C-alpha atoms as a PDB file:
ATOM      1  CA  MET A   1     -20.662   3.938  -1.514  1.00  0.00           C
ATOM      2  CA  ILE A   2     -21.940   1.427   1.036  1.00  0.00           C
ATOM      3  CA  ASP A   3     -20.623   2.218   4.485  1.00  0.00           C
ATOM      4  CA  GLY A   4     -21.745   0.079   7.400  1.00  0.00           C
ATOM      5  CA  ARG A   5     -19.278   1.884   9.691  1.00  0.00           C
ATOM      6  CA  HIS A   6     -17.280  -1.296  10.251  1.00  0.00           C
ATOM      7  CA  LEU A   7     -13.577  -1.269  10.949  1.00  0.00           C
ATOM      8  CA  ASP A   8     -11.040  -3.980  10.279  1.00  0.00           C
ATOM      9  CA  ARG A   9      -8.812  -5.139  13.128  1.00  0.00           C
ATOM     10  CA  VAL A  10      -6.181  -2.507  12.390  1.00  0.00           C
ATOM     11  CA  GLY A  11      -8.752   0.304  12.626  1.00  0.00           C
ATOM     12  CA  ARG A  12      -9.369   1.022   8.954  1.00  0.00           C
ATOM     13  CA  GLN A  13     -12.867   1.902   7.751  1.00  0.00           C
ATOM     14  CA  VAL A  14     -14.148  -0.783   5.355  1.00  0.00           C
ATOM     15  CA  THR A  15     -16.435   0.509   2.611  1.00  0.00           C
ATOM     16  CA  LEU A  16     -17.822  -0.911  -0.613  1.00  0.00           C
ATOM     17  CA  ARG A  17     -17.699   1.237  -3.712  1.00  0.00           C
ATOM     18  CA  PRO A  18     -18.676   0.879  -7.349  1.00  0.00           C
ATOM     19  CA  VAL A  19     -15.978  -0.350  -9.678  1.00  0.00           C
ATOM     20  CA  ASP A  20     -15.084   2.598 -11.897  1.00  0.00           C
ATOM     21  CA  ASP A  21     -12.399   4.049 -14.175  1.00  0.00           C
ATOM     22  CA  ASP A  22     -10.207   4.897 -11.174  1.00  0.00           C
ATOM     23  CA  ASN A  23     -10.206   1.565  -9.338  1.00  0.00           C
ATOM     24  CA  TRP A  24     -10.946  -1.254 -11.780  1.00  0.00           C
ATOM     25  CA  ARG A  25      -7.283  -2.169 -12.301  1.00  0.00           C
ATOM     26  CA  ALA A  26      -6.658  -2.477  -8.569  1.00  0.00           C
ATOM     27  CA  VAL A  27      -9.800  -4.614  -8.199  1.00  0.00           C
ATOM     28  CA  ALA A  28      -8.778  -6.805 -11.146  1.00  0.00           C
ATOM     29  CA  ASP A  29      -5.382  -7.438  -9.544  1.00  0.00           C
ATOM     30  CA  VAL A  30      -6.758  -8.613  -6.182  1.00  0.00           C
ATOM     31  CA  ALA A  31      -5.410 -12.133  -5.581  1.00  0.00           C
ATOM     32  CA  PRO A  32      -6.107 -14.588  -2.747  1.00  0.00           C
ATOM     33  CA  ARG A  33      -3.567 -16.780  -1.008  1.00  0.00           C
ATOM     34  CA  ASP A  34      -2.467 -19.783  -3.056  1.00  0.00           C
ATOM     35  CA  ASP A  35      -4.244 -22.225  -0.721  1.00  0.00           C
ATOM     36  CA  GLN A  36      -7.590 -20.467  -1.364  1.00  0.00           C
ATOM     37  CA  ARG A  37      -7.559 -20.773  -5.145  1.00  0.00           C
ATOM     38  CA  ARG A  38      -9.541 -24.000  -5.139  1.00  0.00           C
ATOM     39  CA  PHE A  39     -12.427 -22.059  -3.549  1.00  0.00           C
ATOM     40  CA  VAL A  40     -12.254 -18.642  -5.262  1.00  0.00           C
ATOM     41  CA  ALA A  41     -11.009 -17.098  -8.484  1.00  0.00           C
ATOM     42  CA  ALA A  42      -7.259 -16.564  -8.853  1.00  0.00           C
ATOM     43  CA  LEU A  43      -7.789 -12.862  -9.566  1.00  0.00           C
ATOM     44  CA  GLY A  44     -10.531 -10.295  -9.104  1.00  0.00           C
ATOM     45  CA  ALA A  45     -10.542  -9.894 -12.894  1.00  0.00           C
ATOM     46  CA  ARG A  46     -12.585 -13.085 -13.279  1.00  0.00           C
ATOM     47  CA  TYR A  47     -15.353 -11.716 -11.063  1.00  0.00           C
ATOM     48  CA  LEU A  48     -15.265  -8.367 -12.855  1.00  0.00           C
ATOM     49  CA  LEU A  49     -15.774 -10.147 -16.179  1.00  0.00           C
ATOM     50  CA  LEU A  50     -18.579 -12.219 -14.724  1.00  0.00           C
ATOM     51  CA  SER A  51     -20.409  -9.115 -13.556  1.00  0.00           C
ATOM     52  CA  MET A  52     -19.830  -7.423 -16.921  1.00  0.00           C
ATOM     53  CA  ARG A  53     -21.129 -10.425 -18.884  1.00  0.00           C
ATOM     54  CA  SER A  54     -24.075 -11.235 -16.607  1.00  0.00           C
ATOM     55  CA  GLU A  55     -27.187  -9.303 -15.733  1.00  0.00           C
ATOM     56  CA  VAL A  56     -27.279 -10.956 -12.312  1.00  0.00           C
ATOM     57  CA  TRP A  57     -24.088  -9.746 -10.598  1.00  0.00           C
ATOM     58  CA  THR A  58     -22.813  -6.299  -9.659  1.00  0.00           C
ATOM     59  CA  SER A  59     -19.154  -5.961  -8.638  1.00  0.00           C
ATOM     60  CA  LEU A  60     -18.006  -3.718  -5.803  1.00  0.00           C
ATOM     61  CA  ALA A  61     -14.513  -2.677  -4.772  1.00  0.00           C
ATOM     62  CA  VAL A  62     -13.681  -3.356  -1.132  1.00  0.00           C
ATOM     63  CA  TYR A  63     -11.754  -0.476   0.424  1.00  0.00           C
ATOM     64  CA  ALA A  64      -9.884  -0.249   3.713  1.00  0.00           C
ATOM     65  CA  ASP A  65      -9.708   3.503   4.208  1.00  0.00           C
ATOM     66  CA  GLU A  66      -8.684   4.678   0.723  1.00  0.00           C
ATOM     67  CA  THR A  67      -6.967   1.484  -0.492  1.00  0.00           C
ATOM     68  CA  VAL A  68      -8.575  -1.226  -2.622  1.00  0.00           C
ATOM     69  CA  VAL A  69      -8.127  -4.490  -0.718  1.00  0.00           C
ATOM     70  CA  GLY A  70     -10.730  -6.744  -2.271  1.00  0.00           C
ATOM     71  CA  HIS A  71     -13.722  -7.498  -4.445  1.00  0.00           C
ATOM     72  CA  VAL A  72     -17.274  -8.586  -3.647  1.00  0.00           C
ATOM     73  CA  MET A  73     -20.368  -8.805  -5.776  1.00  0.00           C
ATOM     74  CA  TRP A  74     -24.059  -8.925  -5.127  1.00  0.00           C
ATOM     75  CA  GLY A  75     -26.934 -10.228  -7.176  1.00  0.00           C
ATOM     76  CA  VAL A  76     -30.648 -10.945  -7.200  1.00  0.00           C
ATOM     77  CA  ASP A  77     -31.920 -14.468  -7.866  1.00  0.00           C
ATOM     78  CA  ASP A  78     -35.136 -15.351  -9.706  1.00  0.00           C
ATOM     79  CA  ASP A  79     -36.888 -15.952  -6.367  1.00  0.00           C
ATOM     80  CA  GLY A  80     -36.051 -12.409  -5.193  1.00  0.00           C
ATOM     81  CA  SER A  81     -33.336 -13.466  -2.747  1.00  0.00           C
ATOM     82  CA  HIS A  82     -30.247 -11.276  -2.691  1.00  0.00           C
ATOM     83  CA  TRP A  83     -26.808 -12.854  -2.810  1.00  0.00           C
ATOM     84  CA  VAL A  84     -23.299 -12.069  -1.625  1.00  0.00           C
ATOM     85  CA  GLY A  85     -20.823 -13.590  -4.075  1.00  0.00           C
ATOM     86  CA  GLY A  86     -17.315 -13.410  -5.413  1.00  0.00           C
ATOM     87  CA  MET A  87     -15.750 -12.141  -2.208  1.00  0.00           C
ATOM     88  CA  LEU A  88     -12.011 -12.017  -2.635  1.00  0.00           C
ATOM     89  CA  ILE A  89      -9.692 -10.302  -0.160  1.00  0.00           C
ATOM     90  CA  ASP A  90      -6.124  -9.748  -1.312  1.00  0.00           C
ATOM     91  CA  ALA A  91      -3.608 -12.132   0.272  1.00  0.00           C
ATOM     92  CA  ALA A  92      -1.620  -9.247   1.761  1.00  0.00           C
ATOM     93  CA  GLU A  93      -4.774  -7.948   3.498  1.00  0.00           C
ATOM     94  CA  GLN A  94      -6.014 -11.158   5.082  1.00  0.00           C
ATOM     95  CA  GLU A  95      -6.160 -11.888   8.801  1.00  0.00           C
ATOM     96  CA  ARG A  96      -7.215  -8.275   9.445  1.00  0.00           C
ATOM     97  CA  GLY A  97     -10.997  -8.699   9.566  1.00  0.00           C
ATOM     98  CA  VAL A  98     -11.635  -7.182   6.144  1.00  0.00           C
ATOM     99  CA  GLY A  99     -13.768 -10.127   4.979  1.00  0.00           C
ATOM    100  CA  ARG A 100     -15.879  -9.959   8.135  1.00  0.00           C
ATOM    101  CA  ALA A 101     -16.361  -6.204   7.788  1.00  0.00           C
ATOM    102  CA  THR A 102     -17.253  -6.666   4.109  1.00  0.00           C
ATOM    103  CA  VAL A 103     -20.061  -9.122   4.877  1.00  0.00           C
ATOM    104  CA  GLN A 104     -21.169  -7.016   7.870  1.00  0.00           C
ATOM    105  CA  THR A 105     -21.480  -4.069   5.491  1.00  0.00           C
ATOM    106  CA  LEU A 106     -23.084  -5.750   2.474  1.00  0.00           C
ATOM    107  CA  ALA A 107     -25.566  -8.178   4.084  1.00  0.00           C
ATOM    108  CA  PRO A 108     -27.606  -5.559   5.999  1.00  0.00           C
ATOM    109  CA  TRP A 109     -27.597  -3.289   2.947  1.00  0.00           C
ATOM    110  CA  LEU A 110     -29.014  -6.118   0.832  1.00  0.00           C
ATOM    111  CA  ALA A 111     -31.572  -7.065   3.493  1.00  0.00           C
ATOM    112  CA  ALA A 112     -32.816  -3.464   3.646  1.00  0.00           C
ATOM    113  CA  ARG A 113     -33.619  -3.343  -0.053  1.00  0.00           C
ATOM    114  CA  PRO A 114     -37.304  -3.202  -1.075  1.00  0.00           C
ATOM    115  CA  GLY A 115     -39.218  -6.211   0.196  1.00  0.00           C
ATOM    116  CA  ASN A 116     -36.561  -7.057   2.789  1.00  0.00           C
ATOM    117  CA  PRO A 117     -35.295 -10.014   0.761  1.00  0.00           C
ATOM    118  CA  PRO A 118     -33.505 -12.993   2.251  1.00  0.00           C
ATOM    119  CA  VAL A 119     -29.715 -12.726   1.980  1.00  0.00           C
ATOM    120  CA  ARG A 120     -27.834 -15.797   0.813  1.00  0.00           C
ATOM    121  CA  LEU A 121     -24.351 -16.880  -0.117  1.00  0.00           C
ATOM    122  CA  SER A 122     -22.631 -20.135  -0.913  1.00  0.00           C
ATOM    123  CA  TYR A 123     -19.318 -21.717  -0.030  1.00  0.00           C
ATOM    124  CA  HIS A 124     -17.491 -24.985  -0.583  1.00  0.00           C
ATOM    125  CA  PRO A 125     -17.920 -27.236   2.479  1.00  0.00           C
ATOM    126  CA  ASP A 126     -14.148 -27.824   2.615  1.00  0.00           C
ATOM    127  CA  ASN A 127     -13.609 -24.073   3.055  1.00  0.00           C
ATOM    128  CA  THR A 128     -13.784 -24.245   6.834  1.00  0.00           C
ATOM    129  CA  ARG A 129     -12.572 -20.665   7.337  1.00  0.00           C
ATOM    130  CA  ALA A 130     -15.405 -19.308   5.202  1.00  0.00           C
ATOM    131  CA  ALA A 131     -17.908 -21.576   6.941  1.00  0.00           C
ATOM    132  CA  ALA A 132     -16.781 -20.330  10.362  1.00  0.00           C
ATOM    133  CA  LEU A 133     -16.954 -16.683   9.278  1.00  0.00           C
ATOM    134  CA  TYR A 134     -20.403 -16.970   7.726  1.00  0.00           C
ATOM    135  CA  THR A 135     -21.779 -18.978  10.656  1.00  0.00           C
ATOM    136  CA  SER A 136     -20.482 -16.357  13.094  1.00  0.00           C
ATOM    137  CA  LEU A 137     -22.368 -13.726  11.075  1.00  0.00           C
ATOM    138  CA  GLY A 138     -25.670 -15.593  11.298  1.00  0.00           C
ATOM    139  CA  PHE A 139     -25.686 -17.495   8.008  1.00  0.00           C
ATOM    140  CA  ARG A 140     -27.186 -20.964   8.329  1.00  0.00           C
ATOM    141  CA  PRO A 141     -27.099 -23.752   5.721  1.00  0.00           C
ATOM    142  CA  THR A 142     -30.419 -24.127   3.916  1.00  0.00           C
ATOM    143  CA  GLY A 143     -29.769 -27.724   2.848  1.00  0.00           C
ATOM    144  CA  ASP A 144     -29.641 -26.629  -0.785  1.00  0.00           C
ATOM    145  CA  TRP A 145     -26.571 -26.687  -3.013  1.00  0.00           C
ATOM    146  CA  ASP A 146     -25.330 -24.600  -5.940  1.00  0.00           C
ATOM    147  CA  ASP A 147     -23.037 -26.908  -7.878  1.00  0.00           C
ATOM    148  CA  GLU A 148     -20.507 -28.020  -5.246  1.00  0.00           C
ATOM    149  CA  GLU A 149     -21.255 -25.190  -2.818  1.00  0.00           C
ATOM    150  CA  LEU A 150     -23.513 -25.204   0.213  1.00  0.00           C
ATOM    151  CA  ILE A 151     -26.108 -22.409   0.256  1.00  0.00           C
ATOM    152  CA  ALA A 152     -26.519 -20.479   3.506  1.00  0.00           C
ATOM    153  CA  GLN A 153     -29.059 -17.809   4.431  1.00  0.00           C
ATOM    154  CA  GLN A 154     -28.973 -15.079   7.035  1.00  0.00           C
ATOM    155  CA  THR A 155     -32.152 -14.456   8.998  1.00  0.00           C
ATOM    156  CA  PRO A 156     -33.650 -10.956   9.384  1.00  0.00           C
ATOM    157  CA  VAL A 157     -32.967 -10.998  13.145  1.00  0.00           C
ATOM    158  CA  ASP A 158     -29.296 -11.658  12.419  1.00  0.00           C
ATOM    159  CA  HIS A 159     -29.194  -8.630  10.099  1.00  0.00           C
ATOM    160  CA  GLU A 160     -30.042  -6.319  12.986  1.00  0.00           C
ATOM    161  CA  VAL A 161     -27.312  -7.821  15.153  1.00  0.00           C
ATOM    162  CA  VAL A 162     -24.743  -7.734  12.377  1.00  0.00           C
ATOM    163  CA  ALA A 163     -25.631  -4.159  11.426  1.00  0.00           C
ATOM    164  CA  THR A 164     -24.945  -2.853  14.910  1.00  0.00           C
ATOM    165  CA  THR A 165     -21.847  -4.883  15.776  1.00  0.00           C
ATOM    166  CA  ARG A 166     -18.377  -3.436  15.258  1.00  0.00           C
ATOM    167  CA  CYS A 167     -15.898  -5.691  13.543  1.00  0.00           C
ATOM    168  CA  ALA A 168     -13.980  -7.491  16.279  1.00  0.00           C
ATOM    169  CA  GLU A 169     -11.996  -9.868  14.126  1.00  0.00           C
END
């Protein structure tokens, strides 16, 4: 379990846990709001399959207290950078700060891995909500693109700030 001690806005502890025999169905059923489906998968199942079929990605269940509320994955690129990907918070759980707490939990954990790798993610430039969230957490566009998504990187100084800040949103 990865626990950055971050709470969502309703006071629930947000943790990241391996996908296992007990939670995989709940993770697979996670679905975003309809208006987000042009930016993310329609169900968590797609990301689970991607992580099962790829050696790059590892899926994690996002929990708020003891309830599965989302999916996120992490991976390591050929250059050694570590990536946050496939973040999907269930539509019924949005607007509670779960996405923020998820990134606040995962990014410092990735940055603290051997070699203190850079932490990156990507998002579609039309996804203004994601852009605002990631910018507020210290991710800055690198100028590079992955398909139609802008790549952003968090600096090591930002990791320290993010790791010690309680989720306010």
